[in-house]
PDB file of all heavy atoms in Angstrom:
ATOM      1  N   TYR A   1       5.608  -3.698   4.970  1.00  0.00           N
ATOM      2  CA  TYR A   1       5.068  -4.924   5.756  1.00  0.00           C
ATOM      3  C   TYR A   1       3.795  -4.515   6.509  1.00  0.00           C
ATOM      4  O   TYR A   1       2.909  -5.444   6.529  1.00  0.00           O
ATOM      5  CB  TYR A   1       6.125  -5.465   6.620  1.00  0.00           C
ATOM      6  CG  TYR A   1       7.233  -6.375   5.938  1.00  0.00           C
ATOM      7  CD1 TYR A   1       8.447  -5.934   5.629  1.00  0.00           C
ATOM      8  CD2 TYR A   1       6.957  -7.642   5.527  1.00  0.00           C
ATOM      9  CE1 TYR A   1       9.404  -6.592   4.950  1.00  0.00           C
ATOM     10  CE2 TYR A   1       7.877  -8.495   4.951  1.00  0.00           C
ATOM     11  CZ  TYR A   1       9.059  -7.993   4.617  1.00  0.00           C
ATOM     12  OH  TYR A   1       9.972  -8.693   3.948  1.00  0.00           O
ATOM     13  N   LYS A   2       3.815  -3.322   6.982  1.00  0.00           N
ATOM     14  CA  LYS A   2       2.625  -2.934   7.624  1.00  0.00           C
ATOM     15  C   LYS A   2       1.366  -2.855   6.736  1.00  0.00           C
ATOM     16  O   LYS A   2       0.311  -3.203   7.113  1.00  0.00           O
ATOM     17  CB  LYS A   2       2.878  -1.525   8.314  1.00  0.00           C
ATOM     18  CG  LYS A   2       1.715  -1.039   9.218  1.00  0.00           C
ATOM     19  CD  LYS A   2       1.702  -1.802  10.450  1.00  0.00           C
ATOM     20  CE  LYS A   2       0.683  -1.137  11.333  1.00  0.00           C
ATOM     21  NZ  LYS A   2       0.426  -1.945  12.489  1.00  0.00           N
ATOM     22  N   ILE A   3       1.630  -2.311   5.465  1.00  0.00           N
ATOM     23  CA  ILE A   3       0.618  -2.400   4.446  1.00  0.00           C
ATOM     24  C   ILE A   3       0.020  -3.777   4.266  1.00  0.00           C
ATOM     25  O   ILE A   3      -1.285  -3.959   4.305  1.00  0.00           O
ATOM     26  CB  ILE A   3       1.065  -1.716   3.154  1.00  0.00           C
ATOM     27  CG1 ILE A   3       1.322  -0.279   3.426  1.00  0.00           C
ATOM     28  CG2 ILE A   3      -0.028  -1.970   2.034  1.00  0.00           C
ATOM     29  CD1 ILE A   3       1.862   0.604   2.313  1.00  0.00           C
ATOM     30  N   ALA A   4       0.950  -4.725   4.123  1.00  0.00           N
ATOM     31  CA  ALA A   4       0.551  -6.092   3.826  1.00  0.00           C
ATOM     32  C   ALA A   4      -0.291  -6.553   5.089  1.00  0.00           C
ATOM     33  O   ALA A   4      -1.352  -7.203   4.810  1.00  0.00           O
ATOM     34  CB  ALA A   4       1.669  -6.884   3.662  1.00  0.00           C
ATOM     35  N   GLU A   5       0.199  -6.264   6.342  1.00  0.00           N
ATOM     36  CA  GLU A   5      -0.537  -6.655   7.505  1.00  0.00           C
ATOM     37  C   GLU A   5      -1.915  -6.067   7.544  1.00  0.00           C
ATOM     38  O   GLU A   5      -2.916  -6.729   7.779  1.00  0.00           O
ATOM     39  CB  GLU A   5       0.330  -6.368   8.706  1.00  0.00           C
ATOM     40  CG  GLU A   5      -0.358  -6.779  10.002  1.00  0.00           C
ATOM     41  CD  GLU A   5       0.497  -6.339  11.166  1.00  0.00           C
ATOM     42  OE1 GLU A   5       1.686  -6.271  11.117  1.00  0.00           O
ATOM     43  OE2 GLU A   5      -0.086  -5.984  12.231  1.00  0.00           O
ATOM     44  N   GLU A   6      -1.999  -4.674   7.244  1.00  0.00           N
ATOM     45  CA  GLU A   6      -3.319  -4.054   7.434  1.00  0.00           C
ATOM     46  C   GLU A   6      -4.287  -4.584   6.301  1.00  0.00           C
ATOM     47  O   GLU A   6      -5.506  -4.520   6.543  1.00  0.00           O
ATOM     48  CB  GLU A   6      -3.135  -2.522   7.197  1.00  0.00           C
ATOM     49  CG  GLU A   6      -2.424  -1.858   8.343  1.00  0.00           C
ATOM     50  CD  GLU A   6      -1.925  -0.442   8.022  1.00  0.00           C
ATOM     51  OE1 GLU A   6      -2.014   0.069   6.826  1.00  0.00           O
ATOM     52  OE2 GLU A   6      -1.539   0.218   9.014  1.00  0.00           O
ATOM     53  N   LEU A   7      -3.720  -4.918   5.181  1.00  0.00           N
ATOM     54  CA  LEU A   7      -4.676  -5.487   4.156  1.00  0.00           C
ATOM     55  C   LEU A   7      -4.839  -7.126   4.236  1.00  0.00           C
ATOM     56  O   LEU A   7      -5.490  -7.659   3.398  1.00  0.00           O
ATOM     57  CB  LEU A   7      -4.073  -5.158   2.762  1.00  0.00           C
ATOM     58  CG  LEU A   7      -3.999  -3.768   2.375  1.00  0.00           C
ATOM     59  CD1 LEU A   7      -3.229  -3.498   1.127  1.00  0.00           C
ATOM     60  CD2 LEU A   7      -5.360  -3.095   2.287  1.00  0.00           C
ATOM     61  N   ASN A   8      -4.355  -7.646   5.338  1.00  0.00           N
ATOM     62  CA  ASN A   8      -4.497  -8.965   5.586  1.00  0.00           C
ATOM     63  C   ASN A   8      -4.069  -9.951   4.453  1.00  0.00           C
ATOM     64  O   ASN A   8      -4.528 -10.925   4.140  1.00  0.00           O
ATOM     65  CB  ASN A   8      -5.940  -9.256   5.874  1.00  0.00           C
ATOM     66  CG  ASN A   8      -6.089 -10.561   6.613  1.00  0.00           C
ATOM     67  OD1 ASN A   8      -5.245 -10.994   7.378  1.00  0.00           O
ATOM     68  ND2 ASN A   8      -7.341 -11.378   6.500  1.00  0.00           N
ATOM     69  N   ILE A   9      -2.783  -9.428   3.936  1.00  0.00           N
ATOM     70  CA  ILE A   9      -2.104 -10.335   2.869  1.00  0.00           C
ATOM     71  C   ILE A   9      -1.201 -11.055   3.597  1.00  0.00           C
ATOM     72  O   ILE A   9      -0.398 -10.720   4.320  1.00  0.00           O
ATOM     73  CB  ILE A   9      -1.340  -9.193   1.892  1.00  0.00           C
ATOM     74  CG1 ILE A   9      -2.337  -8.293   1.250  1.00  0.00           C
ATOM     75  CG2 ILE A   9      -0.527 -10.030   0.933  1.00  0.00           C
ATOM     76  CD1 ILE A   9      -1.699  -7.229   0.429  1.00  0.00           C
ATOM     77  N   ARG A  10      -1.365 -12.336   3.266  1.00  0.00           N
ATOM     78  CA  ARG A  10      -0.385 -13.444   3.760  1.00  0.00           C
ATOM     79  C   ARG A  10       0.894 -13.281   2.994  1.00  0.00           C
ATOM     80  O   ARG A  10       0.847 -13.379   1.765  1.00  0.00           O
ATOM     81  CB  ARG A  10      -1.094 -14.826   3.662  1.00  0.00           C
ATOM     82  CG  ARG A  10      -0.080 -15.859   4.270  1.00  0.00           C
ATOM     83  CD  ARG A  10      -0.781 -17.004   4.580  1.00  0.00           C
ATOM     84  NE  ARG A  10       0.453 -17.943   5.071  1.00  0.00           N
ATOM     85  CZ  ARG A  10       0.184 -19.229   5.317  1.00  0.00           C
ATOM     86  NH1 ARG A  10      -1.006 -19.723   5.190  1.00  0.00           N
ATOM     87  NH2 ARG A  10       1.226 -19.903   5.835  1.00  0.00           N
ATOM     88  N   LEU A  11       2.018 -13.266   3.750  1.00  0.00           N
ATOM     89  CA  LEU A  11       3.251 -13.118   3.083  1.00  0.00           C
ATOM     90  C   LEU A  11       4.211 -14.225   3.567  1.00  0.00           C
ATOM     91  O   LEU A  11       4.221 -14.528   4.831  1.00  0.00           O
ATOM     92  CB  LEU A  11       3.830 -11.881   3.487  1.00  0.00           C
ATOM     93  CG  LEU A  11       5.217 -11.500   2.794  1.00  0.00           C
ATOM     94  CD1 LEU A  11       4.932 -10.460   1.617  1.00  0.00           C
ATOM     95  CD2 LEU A  11       6.177 -10.945   3.823  1.00  0.00           C
ATOM     96  N   ASP A  12       4.701 -14.871   2.599  1.00  0.00           N
ATOM     97  CA  ASP A  12       5.655 -16.050   3.023  1.00  0.00           C
ATOM     98  C   ASP A  12       6.931 -16.076   2.245  1.00  0.00           C
ATOM     99  O   ASP A  12       6.946 -15.350   0.947  1.00  0.00           O
ATOM    100  CB  ASP A  12       4.938 -17.365   2.671  1.00  0.00           C
ATOM    101  CG  ASP A  12       3.919 -17.821   3.655  1.00  0.00           C
ATOM    102  OD1 ASP A  12       4.167 -17.764   4.920  1.00  0.00           O
ATOM    103  OD2 ASP A  12       2.731 -18.087   3.270  1.00  0.00           O
ATOM    104  N   PHE A  13       7.994 -16.667   2.539  1.00  0.00           N
ATOM    105  CA  PHE A  13       9.218 -16.898   1.830  1.00  0.00           C
ATOM    106  C   PHE A  13       9.377 -18.306   1.548  1.00  0.00           C
ATOM    107  O   PHE A  13       9.460 -19.118   2.431  1.00  0.00           O
ATOM    108  CB  PHE A  13      10.520 -16.321   2.780  1.00  0.00           C
ATOM    109  CG  PHE A  13      10.493 -14.930   2.925  1.00  0.00           C
ATOM    110  CD1 PHE A  13       9.632 -14.302   3.973  1.00  0.00           C
ATOM    111  CD2 PHE A  13      11.271 -14.080   2.264  1.00  0.00           C
ATOM    112  CE1 PHE A  13       9.657 -12.929   4.306  1.00  0.00           C
ATOM    113  CE2 PHE A  13      11.234 -12.684   2.394  1.00  0.00           C
ATOM    114  CZ  PHE A  13      10.507 -12.125   3.419  1.00  0.00           C
ATOM    115  N   PHE A  14       9.438 -18.644   0.271  1.00  0.00           N
ATOM    116  CA  PHE A  14       9.923 -20.005  -0.141  1.00  0.00           C
ATOM    117  C   PHE A  14      10.314 -19.838  -1.543  1.00  0.00           C
ATOM    118  O   PHE A  14      10.125 -18.938  -2.336  1.00  0.00           O
ATOM    119  CB  PHE A  14       8.719 -20.869   0.035  1.00  0.00           C
ATOM    120  CG  PHE A  14       7.417 -20.497  -0.602  1.00  0.00           C
ATOM    121  CD1 PHE A  14       7.198 -20.783  -2.017  1.00  0.00           C
ATOM    122  CD2 PHE A  14       6.392 -19.958   0.111  1.00  0.00           C
ATOM    123  CE1 PHE A  14       6.071 -20.419  -2.544  1.00  0.00           C
ATOM    124  CE2 PHE A  14       5.196 -19.468  -0.562  1.00  0.00           C
ATOM    125  CZ  PHE A  14       5.020 -19.826  -1.838  1.00  0.00           C
ATOM    126  N   PRO A  15      11.083 -21.060  -1.959  1.00  0.00           N
ATOM    127  CA  PRO A  15      11.646 -21.089  -3.344  1.00  0.00           C
ATOM    128  C   PRO A  15      10.608 -20.861  -4.386  1.00  0.00           C
ATOM    129  O   PRO A  15       9.447 -21.602  -4.456  1.00  0.00           O
ATOM    130  CB  PRO A  15      12.290 -22.425  -3.394  1.00  0.00           C
ATOM    131  CG  PRO A  15      12.528 -22.679  -2.016  1.00  0.00           C
ATOM    132  CD  PRO A  15      11.340 -22.187  -1.157  1.00  0.00           C
ATOM    133  N   LEU A  16      10.922 -20.074  -5.405  1.00  0.00           N
ATOM    134  CA  LEU A  16      10.106 -19.854  -6.603  1.00  0.00           C
ATOM    135  C   LEU A  16      11.077 -20.116  -7.839  1.00  0.00           C
ATOM    136  O   LEU A  16      11.673 -19.174  -8.105  1.00  0.00           O
ATOM    137  CB  LEU A  16       9.425 -18.415  -6.628  1.00  0.00           C
ATOM    138  CG  LEU A  16       8.560 -18.199  -5.412  1.00  0.00           C
ATOM    139  CD1 LEU A  16       8.303 -16.600  -5.430  1.00  0.00           C
ATOM    140  CD2 LEU A  16       7.238 -18.898  -5.658  1.00  0.00           C
ATOM    141  N   PRO A  17      10.910 -21.303  -8.423  1.00  0.00           N
ATOM    142  CA  PRO A  17      11.929 -21.528  -9.458  1.00  0.00           C
ATOM    143  C   PRO A  17      11.809 -20.538 -10.646  1.00  0.00           C
ATOM    144  O   PRO A  17      12.774 -20.457 -11.273  1.00  0.00           O
ATOM    145  CB  PRO A  17      11.411 -22.973 -10.014  1.00  0.00           C
ATOM    146  CG  PRO A  17      10.417 -23.514  -8.938  1.00  0.00           C
ATOM    147  CD  PRO A  17      10.014 -22.299  -8.154  1.00  0.00           C
ATOM    148  N   LEU A  18      10.793 -19.905 -10.955  1.00  0.00           N
ATOM    149  CA  LEU A  18      10.630 -19.157 -12.017  1.00  0.00           C
ATOM    150  C   LEU A  18      10.577 -17.582 -11.809  1.00  0.00           C
ATOM    151  O   LEU A  18      10.607 -16.792 -12.720  1.00  0.00           O
ATOM    152  CB  LEU A  18       9.324 -19.522 -12.898  1.00  0.00           C
ATOM    153  CG  LEU A  18       9.297 -20.998 -13.438  1.00  0.00           C
ATOM    154  CD1 LEU A  18       8.020 -21.297 -14.107  1.00  0.00           C
ATOM    155  CD2 LEU A  18      10.530 -21.367 -14.271  1.00  0.00           C
ATOM    156  N   ASN A  19      10.408 -17.263 -10.505  1.00  0.00           N
ATOM    157  CA  ASN A  19      10.300 -15.774 -10.248  1.00  0.00           C
ATOM    158  C   ASN A  19      10.985 -15.551  -9.089  1.00  0.00           C
ATOM    159  O   ASN A  19      11.288 -16.299  -8.181  1.00  0.00           O
ATOM    160  CB  ASN A  19       8.687 -15.587  -9.898  1.00  0.00           C
ATOM    161  CG  ASN A  19       7.889 -15.830 -11.129  1.00  0.00           C
ATOM    162  OD1 ASN A  19       8.140 -15.305 -12.210  1.00  0.00           O
ATOM    163  ND2 ASN A  19       7.009 -16.663 -11.127  1.00  0.00           N
ATOM    164  N   LYS A  20      11.167 -14.108  -8.729  1.00  0.00           N
ATOM    165  CA  LYS A  20      11.746 -13.742  -7.447  1.00  0.00           C
ATOM    166  C   LYS A  20      10.695 -13.551  -6.441  1.00  0.00           C
ATOM    167  O   LYS A  20      10.831 -13.725  -5.135  1.00  0.00           O
ATOM    168  CB  LYS A  20      12.405 -12.200  -7.626  1.00  0.00           C
ATOM    169  CG  LYS A  20      13.694 -12.271  -8.478  1.00  0.00           C
ATOM    170  CD  LYS A  20      14.098 -10.873  -8.728  1.00  0.00           C
ATOM    171  CE  LYS A  20      14.287 -10.655 -10.197  1.00  0.00           C
ATOM    172  NZ  LYS A  20      14.488  -9.432 -10.577  1.00  0.00           N
ATOM    173  N   SER A  21       9.438 -13.247  -7.045  1.00  0.00           N
ATOM    174  CA  SER A  21       8.313 -12.987  -6.020  1.00  0.00           C
ATOM    175  C   SER A  21       7.139 -13.089  -6.829  1.00  0.00           C
ATOM    176  O   SER A  21       7.053 -13.059  -8.158  1.00  0.00           O
ATOM    177  CB  SER A  21       8.487 -11.529  -5.507  1.00  0.00           C
ATOM    178  OG  SER A  21       8.534 -10.569  -6.504  1.00  0.00           O
ATOM    179  N   VAL A  22       5.963 -13.283  -6.235  1.00  0.00           N
ATOM    180  CA  VAL A  22       4.849 -13.390  -6.881  1.00  0.00           C
ATOM    181  C   VAL A  22       3.587 -13.026  -5.965  1.00  0.00           C
ATOM    182  O   VAL A  22       3.712 -13.151  -4.672  1.00  0.00           O
ATOM    183  CB  VAL A  22       4.504 -14.982  -7.267  1.00  0.00           C
ATOM    184  CG1 VAL A  22       4.313 -15.834  -6.266  1.00  0.00           C
ATOM    185  CG2 VAL A  22       3.238 -14.972  -8.312  1.00  0.00           C
ATOM    186  N   ALA A  23       2.569 -12.421  -6.511  1.00  0.00           N
ATOM    187  CA  ALA A  23       1.294 -12.207  -5.741  1.00  0.00           C
ATOM    188  C   ALA A  23       0.145 -12.854  -6.433  1.00  0.00           C
ATOM    189  O   ALA A  23       0.010 -12.886  -7.727  1.00  0.00           O
ATOM    190  CB  ALA A  23       1.046 -10.716  -5.683  1.00  0.00           C
ATOM    191  N   VAL A  24      -0.756 -13.360  -5.721  1.00  0.00           N
ATOM    192  CA  VAL A  24      -1.864 -14.043  -6.159  1.00  0.00           C
ATOM    193  C   VAL A  24      -3.168 -13.716  -5.397  1.00  0.00           C
ATOM    194  O   VAL A  24      -3.077 -13.327  -4.262  1.00  0.00           O
ATOM    195  CB  VAL A  24      -1.753 -15.568  -6.338  1.00  0.00           C
ATOM    196  CG1 VAL A  24      -0.793 -16.082  -7.123  1.00  0.00           C
ATOM    197  CG2 VAL A  24      -1.712 -16.115  -4.799  1.00  0.00           C
ATOM    198  N   SER A  25      -4.241 -13.708  -6.073  1.00  0.00           N
ATOM    199  CA  SER A  25      -5.648 -13.401  -5.546  1.00  0.00           C
ATOM    200  C   SER A  25      -6.340 -14.763  -5.533  1.00  0.00           C
ATOM    201  O   SER A  25      -6.494 -15.303  -6.630  1.00  0.00           O
ATOM    202  CB  SER A  25      -6.211 -12.358  -6.215  1.00  0.00           C
ATOM    203  OG  SER A  25      -7.562 -12.206  -5.718  1.00  0.00           O
ATOM    204  N   LEU A  26      -6.855 -15.172  -4.294  1.00  0.00           N
ATOM    205  CA  LEU A  26      -7.452 -16.514  -4.343  1.00  0.00           C
ATOM    206  C   LEU A  26      -8.622 -16.301  -3.226  1.00  0.00           C
ATOM    207  O   LEU A  26      -8.233 -15.935  -2.115  1.00  0.00           O
ATOM    208  CB  LEU A  26      -6.520 -17.452  -3.908  1.00  0.00           C
ATOM    209  CG  LEU A  26      -7.009 -18.927  -3.876  1.00  0.00           C
ATOM    210  CD1 LEU A  26      -7.390 -19.418  -5.179  1.00  0.00           C
ATOM    211  CD2 LEU A  26      -5.908 -19.887  -3.285  1.00  0.00           C
TER     212      LEU A  26
END
């Protein structure tokens, strides 16, 4: 979680019907 914070990666929890998790670049 600290790595995500340091890299300014926004992290959220919400239903993903097709995946357990996902990362995107936008």
